[in-house]
C-alpha atoms as a PDB file:
ATOM      1  CA  MET A   1       0.000   0.000   0.000  1.00  0.00           C
ATOM      2  CA  VAL A   2       1.246   3.494  -0.849  1.00  0.00           C
ATOM      3  CA  THR A   3       1.653   5.651   2.253  1.00  0.00           C
ATOM      4  CA  ARG A   4       1.837   9.440   2.201  1.00  0.00           C
ATOM      5  CA  SER A   5       5.371  10.642   2.856  1.00  0.00           C
ATOM      6  CA  ARG A   6       5.490  14.077   4.444  1.00  0.00           C
ATOM      7  CA  GLN A   7       9.240  14.188   3.899  1.00  0.00           C
ATOM      8  CA  ASP A   8       9.116  13.451   0.167  1.00  0.00           C
ATOM      9  CA  PRO A   9       5.735  14.230  -1.409  1.00  0.00           C
ATOM     10  CA  THR A  10       7.302  14.148  -4.876  1.00  0.00           C
ATOM     11  CA  ARG A  11       8.330  10.516  -4.418  1.00  0.00           C
ATOM     12  CA  PHE A  12       4.871   9.781  -3.049  1.00  0.00           C
ATOM     13  CA  ALA A  13       3.257  11.233  -6.204  1.00  0.00           C
ATOM     14  CA  GLN A  14       5.562   9.152  -8.390  1.00  0.00           C
ATOM     15  CA  GLN A  15       4.657   5.968  -6.504  1.00  0.00           C
ATOM     16  CA  LEU A  16       0.942   6.747  -6.596  1.00  0.00           C
ATOM     17  CA  PHE A  17       0.738   7.464 -10.316  1.00  0.00           C
ATOM     18  CA  ASP A  18       3.396   5.112 -11.672  1.00  0.00           C
ATOM     19  CA  ASP A  19       0.933   2.285 -12.341  1.00  0.00           C
ATOM     20  CA  LEU A  20      -1.929   4.417 -13.711  1.00  0.00           C
ATOM     21  CA  PRO A  21      -1.046   5.719 -17.198  1.00  0.00           C
ATOM     22  CA  ARG A  22      -2.489   3.008 -19.447  1.00  0.00           C
ATOM     23  CA  ARG A  23      -6.159   3.944 -18.961  1.00  0.00           C
ATOM     24  CA  TYR A  24      -5.699   7.122 -16.946  1.00  0.00           C
ATOM     25  CA  ASP A  25      -7.680   9.545 -19.111  1.00  0.00           C
ATOM     26  CA  LEU A  26     -10.581   7.186 -19.695  1.00  0.00           C
ATOM     27  CA  LEU A  27     -10.934   6.253 -16.033  1.00  0.00           C
ATOM     28  CA  VAL A  28     -10.591   9.833 -14.753  1.00  0.00           C
ATOM     29  CA  GLU A  29     -13.453  10.876 -17.014  1.00  0.00           C
ATOM     30  CA  ALA A  30     -15.556   7.903 -15.947  1.00  0.00           C
ATOM     31  CA  LEU A  31     -14.905   8.317 -12.225  1.00  0.00           C
ATOM     32  CA  THR A  32     -15.648  12.070 -12.349  1.00  0.00           C
ATOM     33  CA  PHE A  33     -18.763  11.484 -14.499  1.00  0.00           C
ATOM     34  CA  GLY A  34     -17.204  13.478 -17.311  1.00  0.00           C
ATOM     35  CA  GLN A  35     -16.658  16.573 -15.162  1.00  0.00           C
ATOM     36  CA  ASN A  36     -12.852  16.534 -15.406  1.00  0.00           C
ATOM     37  CA  ARG A  37     -13.040  17.473 -19.103  1.00  0.00           C
ATOM     38  CA  ARG A  38     -15.444  20.318 -18.345  1.00  0.00           C
ATOM     39  CA  TRP A  39     -13.228  21.574 -15.517  1.00  0.00           C
ATOM     40  CA  ARG A  40     -10.185  21.531 -17.779  1.00  0.00           C
ATOM     41  CA  ARG A  41     -11.993  23.660 -20.349  1.00  0.00           C
ATOM     42  CA  ALA A  42     -12.874  26.219 -17.676  1.00  0.00           C
ATOM     43  CA  MET A  43      -9.225  26.379 -16.575  1.00  0.00           C
ATOM     44  CA  VAL A  44      -7.901  26.758 -20.112  1.00  0.00           C
ATOM     45  CA  ASN A  45     -10.395  29.538 -20.992  1.00  0.00           C
ATOM     46  CA  PRO A  46      -8.554  32.518 -19.406  1.00  0.00           C
ATOM     47  CA  VAL A  47      -5.205  31.323 -20.741  1.00  0.00           C
ATOM     48  CA  ALA A  48      -6.537  30.885 -24.281  1.00  0.00           C
ATOM     49  CA  GLU A  49      -8.228  34.289 -24.186  1.00  0.00           C
ATOM     50  CA  ALA A  50      -4.842  35.930 -23.506  1.00  0.00           C
ATOM     51  CA  GLU A  51      -3.459  34.496 -26.809  1.00  0.00           C
ATOM     52  CA  PRO A  52      -0.062  33.419 -25.411  1.00  0.00           C
ATOM     53  CA  ALA A  53       2.884  32.428 -27.576  1.00  0.00           C
ATOM     54  CA  THR A  54       4.257  30.025 -24.952  1.00  0.00           C
ATOM     55  CA  VAL A  55       2.493  28.086 -22.189  1.00  0.00           C
ATOM     56  CA  LEU A  56       3.912  25.893 -19.431  1.00  0.00           C
ATOM     57  CA  ASP A  57       1.608  23.098 -18.262  1.00  0.00           C
ATOM     58  CA  VAL A  58       2.735  21.900 -14.817  1.00  0.00           C
ATOM     59  CA  ALA A  59       1.755  18.433 -13.569  1.00  0.00           C
ATOM     60  CA  SER A  60       1.024  17.683 -17.219  1.00  0.00           C
ATOM     61  CA  GLY A  61       0.639  13.918 -16.742  1.00  0.00           C
ATOM     62  CA  THR A  62      -0.710  12.307 -19.911  1.00  0.00           C
ATOM     63  CA  ALA A  63      -0.803  15.701 -21.693  1.00  0.00           C
ATOM     64  CA  GLY A  64      -4.583  16.131 -21.682  1.00  0.00           C
ATOM     65  CA  VAL A  65      -4.384  19.824 -20.781  1.00  0.00           C
ATOM     66  CA  ALA A  66      -1.404  20.392 -23.094  1.00  0.00           C
ATOM     67  CA  LEU A  67      -3.389  18.981 -26.012  1.00  0.00           C
ATOM     68  CA  GLN A  68      -6.361  21.183 -25.212  1.00  0.00           C
ATOM     69  CA  LEU A  69      -4.063  24.214 -25.065  1.00  0.00           C
ATOM     70  CA  ALA A  70      -2.654  23.253 -28.476  1.00  0.00           C
ATOM     71  CA  ARG A  71      -6.158  23.038 -29.925  1.00  0.00           C
ATOM     72  CA  ARG A  72      -7.289  26.354 -28.492  1.00  0.00           C
ATOM     73  CA  THR A  73      -4.176  28.530 -28.841  1.00  0.00           C
ATOM     74  CA  GLY A  74      -1.349  29.080 -31.291  1.00  0.00           C
ATOM     75  CA  ALA A  75       1.188  28.657 -28.489  1.00  0.00           C
ATOM     76  CA  HIS A  76       4.061  26.273 -28.097  1.00  0.00           C
ATOM     77  CA  ILE A  77       3.323  24.241 -24.967  1.00  0.00           C
ATOM     78  CA  THR A  78       5.815  22.656 -22.613  1.00  0.00           C
ATOM     79  CA  GLY A  79       4.436  20.054 -20.216  1.00  0.00           C
ATOM     80  CA  ILE A  80       6.354  19.091 -17.089  1.00  0.00           C
ATOM     81  CA  ASP A  81       5.678  16.252 -14.641  1.00  0.00           C
ATOM     82  CA  VAL A  82       7.562  14.176 -12.070  1.00  0.00           C
ATOM     83  CA  THR A  83       6.193  10.824 -13.251  1.00  0.00           C
ATOM     84  CA  GLU A  84       7.991   9.453 -16.305  1.00  0.00           C
ATOM     85  CA  ALA A  85       5.397   6.749 -16.925  1.00  0.00           C
ATOM     86  CA  MET A  86       2.664   9.375 -17.243  1.00  0.00           C
ATOM     87  CA  LEU A  87       4.818  11.426 -19.598  1.00  0.00           C
ATOM     88  CA  ARG A  88       5.463   8.403 -21.815  1.00  0.00           C
ATOM     89  CA  ARG A  89       1.704   8.015 -22.160  1.00  0.00           C
ATOM     90  CA  GLY A  90       1.506  11.740 -22.845  1.00  0.00           C
ATOM     91  CA  GLN A  91       4.122  11.472 -25.581  1.00  0.00           C
ATOM     92  CA  ALA A  92       2.049   8.766 -27.273  1.00  0.00           C
ATOM     93  CA  ALA A  93      -1.046  10.990 -27.094  1.00  0.00           C
ATOM     94  CA  VAL A  94       0.879  13.944 -28.522  1.00  0.00           C
ATOM     95  CA  ARG A  95       2.092  11.827 -31.450  1.00  0.00           C
ATOM     96  CA  ALA A  96      -1.382  10.397 -32.050  1.00  0.00           C
ATOM     97  CA  ASN A  97      -2.784  13.925 -32.253  1.00  0.00           C
ATOM     98  CA  GLY A  98      -0.070  15.147 -34.618  1.00  0.00           C
ATOM     99  CA  ALA A  99       1.106  17.750 -32.097  1.00  0.00           C
ATOM    100  CA  ARG A 100       4.815  16.947 -31.749  1.00  0.00           C
ATOM    101  CA  HIS A 101       5.788  20.302 -33.266  1.00  0.00           C
ATOM    102  CA  ARG A 102       3.603  22.149 -30.731  1.00  0.00           C
ATOM    103  CA  ILE A 103       4.074  20.235 -27.464  1.00  0.00           C
ATOM    104  CA  SER A 104       7.273  19.286 -25.614  1.00  0.00           C
ATOM    105  CA  LEU A 105       7.134  17.103 -22.504  1.00  0.00           C
ATOM    106  CA  VAL A 106       9.912  17.085 -19.900  1.00  0.00           C
ATOM    107  CA  THR A 107      10.517  15.527 -16.499  1.00  0.00           C
ATOM    108  CA  GLY A 108      10.821  17.939 -13.587  1.00  0.00           C
ATOM    109  CA  GLN A 109       9.421  19.296 -10.344  1.00  0.00           C
ATOM    110  CA  ALA A 110       7.043  22.206  -9.875  1.00  0.00           C
ATOM    111  CA  GLU A 111       9.102  23.299  -6.859  1.00  0.00           C
ATOM    112  CA  ALA A 112      12.217  23.854  -9.028  1.00  0.00           C
ATOM    113  CA  LEU A 113      11.256  24.689 -12.597  1.00  0.00           C
ATOM    114  CA  PRO A 114      14.126  24.565 -15.137  1.00  0.00           C
ATOM    115  CA  PHE A 115      13.137  27.860 -16.787  1.00  0.00           C
ATOM    116  CA  PRO A 116      14.407  31.453 -16.476  1.00  0.00           C
ATOM    117  CA  ASP A 117      12.465  34.203 -14.740  1.00  0.00           C
ATOM    118  CA  ALA A 118       9.621  35.767 -16.738  1.00  0.00           C
ATOM    119  CA  SER A 119      10.195  33.447 -19.715  1.00  0.00           C
ATOM    120  CA  ILE A 120       6.673  32.011 -20.216  1.00  0.00           C
ATOM    121  CA  ASP A 121       3.527  33.816 -21.446  1.00  0.00           C
ATOM    122  CA  GLY A 122       1.013  31.608 -19.617  1.00  0.00           C
ATOM    123  CA  LEU A 123       0.937  28.733 -17.134  1.00  0.00           C
ATOM    124  CA  THR A 124      -1.526  26.044 -16.093  1.00  0.00           C
ATOM    125  CA  PHE A 125      -1.312  23.508 -13.289  1.00  0.00           C
ATOM    126  CA  THR A 126      -3.691  20.684 -12.438  1.00  0.00           C
ATOM    127  CA  TYR A 127      -4.206  18.648  -9.242  1.00  0.00           C
ATOM    128  CA  LEU A 128      -0.779  19.753  -8.002  1.00  0.00           C
ATOM    129  CA  LEU A 129      -0.808  21.400  -4.586  1.00  0.00           C
ATOM    130  CA  ARG A 130      -1.757  18.300  -2.575  1.00  0.00           C
ATOM    131  CA  TYR A 131       1.511  16.713  -3.716  1.00  0.00           C
ATOM    132  CA  VAL A 132       4.031  19.377  -2.701  1.00  0.00           C
ATOM    133  CA  ALA A 133       5.574  20.010   0.709  1.00  0.00           C
ATOM    134  CA  ASP A 134       5.117  23.795   0.627  1.00  0.00           C
ATOM    135  CA  PRO A 135       2.197  25.048  -1.521  1.00  0.00           C
ATOM    136  CA  ALA A 136       3.049  28.725  -0.950  1.00  0.00           C
ATOM    137  CA  ALA A 137       6.665  28.289  -2.061  1.00  0.00           C
ATOM    138  CA  THR A 138       5.501  26.248  -5.059  1.00  0.00           C
ATOM    139  CA  LEU A 139       3.095  29.011  -6.111  1.00  0.00           C
ATOM    140  CA  ALA A 140       5.937  31.525  -5.883  1.00  0.00           C
ATOM    141  CA  GLU A 141       8.079  29.288  -8.098  1.00  0.00           C
ATOM    142  CA  LEU A 142       5.279  28.927 -10.662  1.00  0.00           C
ATOM    143  CA  ALA A 143       4.764  32.691 -10.752  1.00  0.00           C
ATOM    144  CA  ARG A 144       8.507  33.286 -11.116  1.00  0.00           C
ATOM    145  CA  VAL A 145       8.676  31.893 -14.658  1.00  0.00           C
ATOM    146  CA  VAL A 146       5.637  33.813 -15.989  1.00  0.00           C
ATOM    147  CA  ARG A 147       6.187  37.170 -17.629  1.00  0.00           C
ATOM    148  CA  PRO A 148       4.444  40.244 -16.174  1.00  0.00           C
ATOM    149  CA  GLY A 149       0.850  40.297 -17.382  1.00  0.00           C
ATOM    150  CA  GLY A 150       0.878  36.581 -18.216  1.00  0.00           C
ATOM    151  CA  THR A 151      -2.070  34.411 -17.179  1.00  0.00           C
ATOM    152  CA  ILE A 152      -1.833  31.638 -14.581  1.00  0.00           C
ATOM    153  CA  ALA A 153      -4.714  29.172 -14.101  1.00  0.00           C
ATOM    154  CA  SER A 154      -5.236  26.053 -12.018  1.00  0.00           C
ATOM    155  CA  LEU A 155      -7.630  23.175 -11.477  1.00  0.00           C
ATOM    156  CA  GLU A 156      -7.964  21.294  -8.201  1.00  0.00           C
ATOM    157  CA  PHE A 157     -10.487  18.974  -6.615  1.00  0.00           C
ATOM    158  CA  HIS A 158     -12.570  20.621  -3.882  1.00  0.00           C
ATOM    159  CA  VAL A 159     -14.931  19.755  -1.040  1.00  0.00           C
ATOM    160  CA  PRO A 160     -18.506  20.896  -1.854  1.00  0.00           C
ATOM    161  CA  PRO A 161     -19.513  23.703   0.532  1.00  0.00           C
ATOM    162  CA  HIS A 162     -23.227  22.876   0.819  1.00  0.00           C
ATOM    163  CA  ARG A 163     -24.299  20.231   3.299  1.00  0.00           C
ATOM    164  CA  LEU A 164     -26.230  17.856   1.033  1.00  0.00           C
ATOM    165  CA  ALA A 165     -23.670  17.977  -1.776  1.00  0.00           C
ATOM    166  CA  ARG A 166     -20.848  17.537   0.735  1.00  0.00           C
ATOM    167  CA  GLY A 167     -22.558  14.471   2.225  1.00  0.00           C
ATOM    168  CA  ALA A 168     -23.001  12.886  -1.208  1.00  0.00           C
ATOM    169  CA  TRP A 169     -19.389  13.747  -2.077  1.00  0.00           C
ATOM    170  CA  TRP A 170     -18.151  12.154   1.160  1.00  0.00           C
ATOM    171  CA  LEU A 171     -20.040   8.927   0.489  1.00  0.00           C
ATOM    172  CA  TYR A 172     -18.802   8.797  -3.093  1.00  0.00           C
ATOM    173  CA  THR A 173     -15.153   9.490  -2.311  1.00  0.00           C
ATOM    174  CA  ARG A 174     -14.951   7.210   0.759  1.00  0.00           C
ATOM    175  CA  LEU A 175     -17.074   4.283  -0.396  1.00  0.00           C
ATOM    176  CA  ALA A 176     -17.981   4.264  -4.093  1.00  0.00           C
ATOM    177  CA  LEU A 177     -14.777   5.683  -5.573  1.00  0.00           C
ATOM    178  CA  PRO A 178     -12.399   3.031  -4.181  1.00  0.00           C
ATOM    179  CA  LEU A 179     -14.813   0.262  -5.209  1.00  0.00           C
ATOM    180  CA  LEU A 180     -15.381   1.614  -8.731  1.00  0.00           C
ATOM    181  CA  GLY A 181     -11.694   2.371  -9.157  1.00  0.00           C
ATOM    182  CA  GLY A 182     -10.781  -1.177  -8.186  1.00  0.00           C
ATOM    183  CA  LEU A 183     -13.400  -2.735 -10.444  1.00  0.00           C
ATOM    184  CA  THR A 184     -12.435  -0.684 -13.501  1.00  0.00           C
ATOM    185  CA  GLY A 185      -8.704  -0.143 -13.010  1.00  0.00           C
ATOM    186  CA  GLY A 186      -7.499  -2.804 -10.603  1.00  0.00           C
ATOM    187  CA  ARG A 187      -5.456  -2.428  -7.444  1.00  0.00           C
ATOM    188  CA  PRO A 188      -3.595   0.793  -8.446  1.00  0.00           C
ATOM    189  CA  TRP A 189      -6.901   2.615  -8.970  1.00  0.00           C
ATOM    190  CA  TYR A 190      -8.292   1.156  -5.743  1.00  0.00           C
ATOM    191  CA  ARG A 191      -5.338   2.714  -3.887  1.00  0.00           C
ATOM    192  CA  VAL A 192      -5.954   6.058  -5.558  1.00  0.00           C
ATOM    193  CA  GLY A 193      -9.655   5.830  -4.732  1.00  0.00           C
ATOM    194  CA  ARG A 194      -8.916   5.218  -1.069  1.00  0.00           C
ATOM    195  CA  PHE A 195      -6.411   8.068  -0.959  1.00  0.00           C
ATOM    196  CA  LEU A 196      -8.275  10.754  -2.866  1.00  0.00           C
ATOM    197  CA  GLY A 197     -11.178  11.768  -0.591  1.00  0.00           C
ATOM    198  CA  PRO A 198      -9.189  12.007   2.667  1.00  0.00           C
ATOM    199  CA  SER A 199      -6.388  13.799   0.805  1.00  0.00           C
ATOM    200  CA  ILE A 200      -8.758  16.477  -0.497  1.00  0.00           C
ATOM    201  CA  SER A 201     -10.444  16.967   2.877  1.00  0.00           C
ATOM    202  CA  THR A 202      -7.130  17.206   4.721  1.00  0.00           C
ATOM    203  CA  HIS A 203      -5.741  19.685   2.206  1.00  0.00           C
ATOM    204  CA  TYR A 204      -8.661  22.112   2.577  1.00  0.00           C
ATOM    205  CA  ASP A 205      -8.689  21.753   6.351  1.00  0.00           C
ATOM    206  CA  ARG A 206      -5.162  23.127   6.254  1.00  0.00           C
ATOM    207  CA  TYR A 207      -5.368  25.340   3.158  1.00  0.00           C
ATOM    208  CA  PRO A 208      -8.904  26.713   2.630  1.00  0.00           C
ATOM    209  CA  VAL A 209      -9.723  28.654  -0.528  1.00  0.00           C
ATOM    210  CA  SER A 210      -9.202  31.971   1.290  1.00  0.00           C
ATOM    211  CA  TRP A 211      -5.653  30.842   2.097  1.00  0.00           C
ATOM    212  CA  SER A 212      -5.077  29.921  -1.544  1.00  0.00           C
ATOM    213  CA  VAL A 213      -6.241  33.332  -2.780  1.00  0.00           C
ATOM    214  CA  ASP A 214      -3.879  35.057  -0.329  1.00  0.00           C
ATOM    215  CA  ALA A 215      -1.017  32.737  -1.331  1.00  0.00           C
ATOM    216  CA  TRP A 216      -1.554  33.525  -5.014  1.00  0.00           C
ATOM    217  CA  ARG A 217      -1.445  37.244  -4.256  1.00  0.00           C
ATOM    218  CA  GLN A 218       1.663  36.911  -2.096  1.00  0.00           C
ATOM    219  CA  ALA A 219       3.316  35.039  -4.988  1.00  0.00           C
ATOM    220  CA  GLY A 220       2.793  38.116  -7.168  1.00  0.00           C
ATOM    221  CA  ILE A 221      -0.405  37.101  -8.948  1.00  0.00           C
ATOM    222  CA  THR A 222      -3.090  39.783  -9.272  1.00  0.00           C
ATOM    223  CA  ALA A 223      -6.768  39.839 -10.267  1.00  0.00           C
ATOM    224  CA  VAL A 224      -7.202  36.399  -8.711  1.00  0.00           C
ATOM    225  CA  ASP A 225     -10.595  34.857  -9.452  1.00  0.00           C
ATOM    226  CA  VAL A 226     -12.208  31.635  -8.240  1.00  0.00           C
ATOM    227  CA  ARG A 227     -14.906  29.426  -9.739  1.00  0.00           C
ATOM    228  CA  LEU A 228     -16.409  26.404  -8.015  1.00  0.00           C
ATOM    229  CA  MET A 229     -17.496  23.727 -10.483  1.00  0.00           C
ATOM    230  CA  SER A 230     -20.060  20.913 -10.276  1.00  0.00           C
ATOM    231  CA  LEU A 231     -21.627  21.850  -6.921  1.00  0.00           C
ATOM    232  CA  GLY A 232     -18.174  22.558  -5.537  1.00  0.00           C
ATOM    233  CA  GLY A 233     -16.427  19.308  -6.466  1.00  0.00           C
ATOM    234  CA  GLY A 234     -13.914  21.193  -8.621  1.00  0.00           C
ATOM    235  CA  LEU A 235     -12.076  24.477  -8.126  1.00  0.00           C
ATOM    236  CA  VAL A 236     -10.733  26.622 -10.966  1.00  0.00           C
ATOM    237  CA  MET A 237      -8.565  29.635 -10.147  1.00  0.00           C
ATOM    238  CA  TRP A 238      -6.855  32.148 -12.405  1.00  0.00           C
ATOM    239  CA  GLY A 239      -5.044  35.461 -12.293  1.00  0.00           C
ATOM    240  CA  ARG A 240      -2.287  37.564 -13.921  1.00  0.00           C
ATOM    241  CA  ARG A 241       1.385  37.878 -13.069  1.00  0.00           C
ATOM    242  CA  ALA A 242       1.878  41.296 -11.553  1.00  0.00           C
ATOM    243  CA  ASP A 243       3.835  43.955 -13.426  1.00  0.00           C
ATOM    244  CA  GLY A 244       7.207  44.929 -12.031  1.00  0.00           C
END
């Protein structure tokens, strides 16, 4: 069983996702009832509207967001992720979609991006902050590589704020999700199903949305906006890198 390592959350993420790539995109859509695709579109919207020439997609995984960015912008997209197995699946998806000239995938950590200051026009990150030791420092590192005025957008899971929706979400994440994950994806997806709900709850107990908004601003991101999706099961945030 994979156990959360407080000392090395990057290694934990690699262990958790190493066995998932083969049917990752299909099962994520099925287990979120198709909402993941809708949430991704909402995250990509403000980045696409800014018409960037370059975009960095952090926690790119199997390149689902990178491919959507390629379809909706004229930018060159670089995807970065810590899990090589996910990136290999992403490379196959990029080739299958004829996007090799538009998308580059590299291995690396969000906490130490291999890019110069203010070198990227836009940035996206997905389901990232639960897997880093210091979310505030990671946000500062993400903002560092974005040019002034560039758009930053994120997608995370969230705990629904309303009582009935939160109760249904709790039952789904604690009981149904592990069972469905195991039935459709085997033991690796059962482990993820067991981990996911408690991980989300624990994260927001420690880092509520108000904390996240403040952390974005302290990282130098202005005009921060928040949108809860699907009764609060998803959270999309976006803003602009401050000038100067």
